[in-house]
Amino acid sequence: MAYDFDLADRIRECIVHLSNIEEKEMMGGLAFMYNDKMCVGVIGEELMARIDPDDFESAIEKTGCRPMDFTGKPMKGWIMVDYEGMKRNADLEYWISLAVKYNSKAKSSKKK
């Protein structure tokens, strides 16, 4: 399994009320695009989220959260949350709400 299908379903339940959501398989996982910008996703068994860089330091102090680091250099504003940080639905909803809140301020990737 490239990514946790159950976690993907949990995310879908949290964002069902949002319009303009698109799912894209990428990086061996699943990304949820909101307003054409990457918002949250699933990599393996972890939640990936794009949050406000101003919230980054306080976020990574929370249980189960760490900086996203694919290249050896952490990406500020991008976090990974493991099972311990989102085992309750309220915890998962918290992380998703941070990402959704930041989405309106986030820059879009340039289309090729």
C-alpha atoms as a PDB file:
ATOM      1  CA  MET A   1       0.000   0.000   0.000  1.00  0.00           C
ATOM      2  CA  ALA A   2       1.549   3.300  -1.094  1.00  0.00           C
ATOM      3  CA  TYR A   3      -0.555   5.322   1.329  1.00  0.00           C
ATOM      4  CA  ASP A   4      -3.083   4.729   4.094  1.00  0.00           C
ATOM      5  CA  PHE A   5      -6.472   4.446   2.400  1.00  0.00           C
ATOM      6  CA  ASP A   6      -8.289   4.677   5.743  1.00  0.00           C
ATOM      7  CA  LEU A   7      -6.582   7.982   6.509  1.00  0.00           C
ATOM      8  CA  ALA A   8      -7.528   9.242   3.057  1.00  0.00           C
ATOM      9  CA  ASP A   9     -11.164   8.371   3.840  1.00  0.00           C
ATOM     10  CA  ARG A  10     -10.953  10.172   7.188  1.00  0.00           C
ATOM     11  CA  ILE A  11      -9.642  13.268   5.411  1.00  0.00           C
ATOM     12  CA  ARG A  12     -12.462  13.077   2.850  1.00  0.00           C
ATOM     13  CA  GLU A  13     -14.980  13.054   5.701  1.00  0.00           C
ATOM     14  CA  CYS A  14     -13.389  16.187   7.181  1.00  0.00           C
ATOM     15  CA  ILE A  15     -13.403  18.134   3.917  1.00  0.00           C
ATOM     16  CA  VAL A  16     -16.681  16.938   2.411  1.00  0.00           C
ATOM     17  CA  HIS A  17     -18.207  20.389   3.017  1.00  0.00           C
ATOM     18  CA  LEU A  18     -15.553  22.161   0.901  1.00  0.00           C
ATOM     19  CA  SER A  19     -16.009  22.824  -2.788  1.00  0.00           C
ATOM     20  CA  ASN A  20     -13.223  22.902  -5.361  1.00  0.00           C
ATOM     21  CA  ILE A  21     -11.378  19.850  -3.969  1.00  0.00           C
ATOM     22  CA  GLU A  22      -9.341  17.674  -6.299  1.00  0.00           C
ATOM     23  CA  GLU A  23      -7.413  14.526  -5.415  1.00  0.00           C
ATOM     24  CA  LYS A  24      -4.077  13.820  -7.075  1.00  0.00           C
ATOM     25  CA  GLU A  25      -1.761  10.892  -6.605  1.00  0.00           C
ATOM     26  CA  MET A  26       1.785  12.197  -6.263  1.00  0.00           C
ATOM     27  CA  MET A  27       5.020  11.502  -4.405  1.00  0.00           C
ATOM     28  CA  GLY A  28       3.817   7.963  -3.705  1.00  0.00           C
ATOM     29  CA  GLY A  29       0.868   9.359  -1.796  1.00  0.00           C
ATOM     30  CA  LEU A  30      -2.370  11.247  -2.247  1.00  0.00           C
ATOM     31  CA  ALA A  31      -2.698  15.031  -2.250  1.00  0.00           C
ATOM     32  CA  PHE A  32      -5.900  16.948  -1.711  1.00  0.00           C
ATOM     33  CA  MET A  33      -5.837  20.154  -3.711  1.00  0.00           C
ATOM     34  CA  TYR A  34      -8.094  22.944  -2.476  1.00  0.00           C
ATOM     35  CA  ASN A  35      -8.638  25.896  -4.796  1.00  0.00           C
ATOM     36  CA  ASP A  36      -5.917  24.448  -7.056  1.00  0.00           C
ATOM     37  CA  LYS A  37      -3.342  24.530  -4.223  1.00  0.00           C
ATOM     38  CA  MET A  38      -1.948  21.582  -2.296  1.00  0.00           C
ATOM     39  CA  CYS A  39      -3.584  21.640   1.122  1.00  0.00           C
ATOM     40  CA  VAL A  40      -3.326  18.239   2.823  1.00  0.00           C
ATOM     41  CA  GLY A  41      -2.326  14.761   1.815  1.00  0.00           C
ATOM     42  CA  VAL A  42      -1.356  11.265   2.845  1.00  0.00           C
ATOM     43  CA  ILE A  43       2.210   9.985   2.603  1.00  0.00           C
ATOM     44  CA  GLY A  44       2.495   6.435   3.892  1.00  0.00           C
ATOM     45  CA  GLU A  45       0.542   6.449   7.149  1.00  0.00           C
ATOM     46  CA  GLU A  46       1.043  10.146   7.889  1.00  0.00           C
ATOM     47  CA  LEU A  47      -0.898  13.316   7.228  1.00  0.00           C
ATOM     48  CA  MET A  48       0.932  15.968   5.262  1.00  0.00           C
ATOM     49  CA  ALA A  49      -0.361  19.527   5.693  1.00  0.00           C
ATOM     50  CA  ARG A  50       0.555  22.961   4.388  1.00  0.00           C
ATOM     51  CA  ILE A  51       0.082  25.410   7.242  1.00  0.00           C
ATOM     52  CA  ASP A  52       0.861  29.055   7.863  1.00  0.00           C
ATOM     53  CA  PRO A  53       4.624  29.403   8.419  1.00  0.00           C
ATOM     54  CA  ASP A  54       3.738  31.618  11.418  1.00  0.00           C
ATOM     55  CA  ASP A  55       2.063  28.572  13.033  1.00  0.00           C
ATOM     56  CA  PHE A  56       4.920  26.201  12.188  1.00  0.00           C
ATOM     57  CA  GLU A  57       6.997  26.393  15.390  1.00  0.00           C
ATOM     58  CA  SER A  58       4.030  25.880  17.708  1.00  0.00           C
ATOM     59  CA  ALA A  59       2.675  23.079  15.497  1.00  0.00           C
ATOM     60  CA  ILE A  60       5.837  20.967  15.570  1.00  0.00           C
ATOM     61  CA  GLU A  61       5.768  21.031  19.378  1.00  0.00           C
ATOM     62  CA  LYS A  62       2.462  19.115  19.373  1.00  0.00           C
ATOM     63  CA  THR A  63       2.278  15.342  19.758  1.00  0.00           C
ATOM     64  CA  GLY A  64       2.983  13.461  16.543  1.00  0.00           C
ATOM     65  CA  CYS A  65       3.918  16.491  14.463  1.00  0.00           C
ATOM     66  CA  ARG A  66       7.256  17.065  12.761  1.00  0.00           C
ATOM     67  CA  PRO A  67       8.591  19.168   9.891  1.00  0.00           C
ATOM     68  CA  MET A  68       8.162  17.691   6.435  1.00  0.00           C
ATOM     69  CA  ASP A  69      11.611  16.689   5.235  1.00  0.00           C
ATOM     70  CA  PHE A  70      11.982  14.887   1.909  1.00  0.00           C
ATOM     71  CA  THR A  71      15.310  16.313   0.808  1.00  0.00           C
ATOM     72  CA  GLY A  72      17.266  16.575   4.051  1.00  0.00           C
ATOM     73  CA  LYS A  73      16.110  20.148   4.522  1.00  0.00           C
ATOM     74  CA  PRO A  74      12.868  20.758   6.470  1.00  0.00           C
ATOM     75  CA  MET A  75      10.272  22.776   4.598  1.00  0.00           C
ATOM     76  CA  LYS A  76       8.866  25.548   6.788  1.00  0.00           C
ATOM     77  CA  GLY A  77       5.101  25.609   6.619  1.00  0.00           C
ATOM     78  CA  TRP A  78       4.849  21.924   5.683  1.00  0.00           C
ATOM     79  CA  ILE A  79       4.274  19.354   8.418  1.00  0.00           C
ATOM     80  CA  MET A  80       3.814  15.631   8.817  1.00  0.00           C
ATOM     81  CA  VAL A  81       1.561  14.227  11.533  1.00  0.00           C
ATOM     82  CA  ASP A  82       1.740  10.590  12.623  1.00  0.00           C
ATOM     83  CA  TYR A  83      -1.004   8.435  14.100  1.00  0.00           C
ATOM     84  CA  GLU A  84      -0.405   9.651  17.673  1.00  0.00           C
ATOM     85  CA  GLY A  85      -1.081  13.220  16.581  1.00  0.00           C
ATOM     86  CA  MET A  86      -4.374  12.440  14.840  1.00  0.00           C
ATOM     87  CA  LYS A  87      -5.838   9.281  16.327  1.00  0.00           C
ATOM     88  CA  ARG A  88      -8.939  11.173  17.486  1.00  0.00           C
ATOM     89  CA  ASN A  89     -11.109  12.730  14.789  1.00  0.00           C
ATOM     90  CA  ALA A  90     -10.935  16.054  16.636  1.00  0.00           C
ATOM     91  CA  ASP A  91      -7.133  15.970  16.311  1.00  0.00           C
ATOM     92  CA  LEU A  92      -7.297  15.263  12.575  1.00  0.00           C
ATOM     93  CA  GLU A  93      -9.872  18.025  12.137  1.00  0.00           C
ATOM     94  CA  TYR A  94      -7.535  20.434  13.954  1.00  0.00           C
ATOM     95  CA  TRP A  95      -4.662  19.796  11.518  1.00  0.00           C
ATOM     96  CA  ILE A  96      -6.927  20.003   8.486  1.00  0.00           C
ATOM     97  CA  SER A  97      -8.467  23.256   9.728  1.00  0.00           C
ATOM     98  CA  LEU A  98      -4.979  24.798  10.003  1.00  0.00           C
ATOM     99  CA  ALA A  99      -4.261  23.841   6.399  1.00  0.00           C
ATOM    100  CA  VAL A 100      -7.632  25.030   5.093  1.00  0.00           C
ATOM    101  CA  LYS A 101      -7.270  28.332   6.950  1.00  0.00           C
ATOM    102  CA  TYR A 102      -3.866  28.955   5.373  1.00  0.00           C
ATOM    103  CA  ASN A 103      -4.991  27.931   1.876  1.00  0.00           C
ATOM    104  CA  SER A 104      -6.433  31.355   1.016  1.00  0.00           C
ATOM    105  CA  LYS A 105      -3.033  32.952   1.744  1.00  0.00           C
ATOM    106  CA  ALA A 106      -0.887  30.234   0.152  1.00  0.00           C
ATOM    107  CA  LYS A 107       0.647  30.825  -3.246  1.00  0.00           C
ATOM    108  CA  SER A 108      -0.348  28.589  -6.116  1.00  0.00           C
ATOM    109  CA  SER A 109       2.220  26.544  -7.923  1.00  0.00           C
ATOM    110  CA  LYS A 110       2.814  27.756 -11.442  1.00  0.00           C
ATOM    111  CA  LYS A 111       0.999  25.625 -13.974  1.00  0.00           C
ATOM    112  CA  LYS A 112       3.187  24.053 -16.633  1.00  0.00           C
END
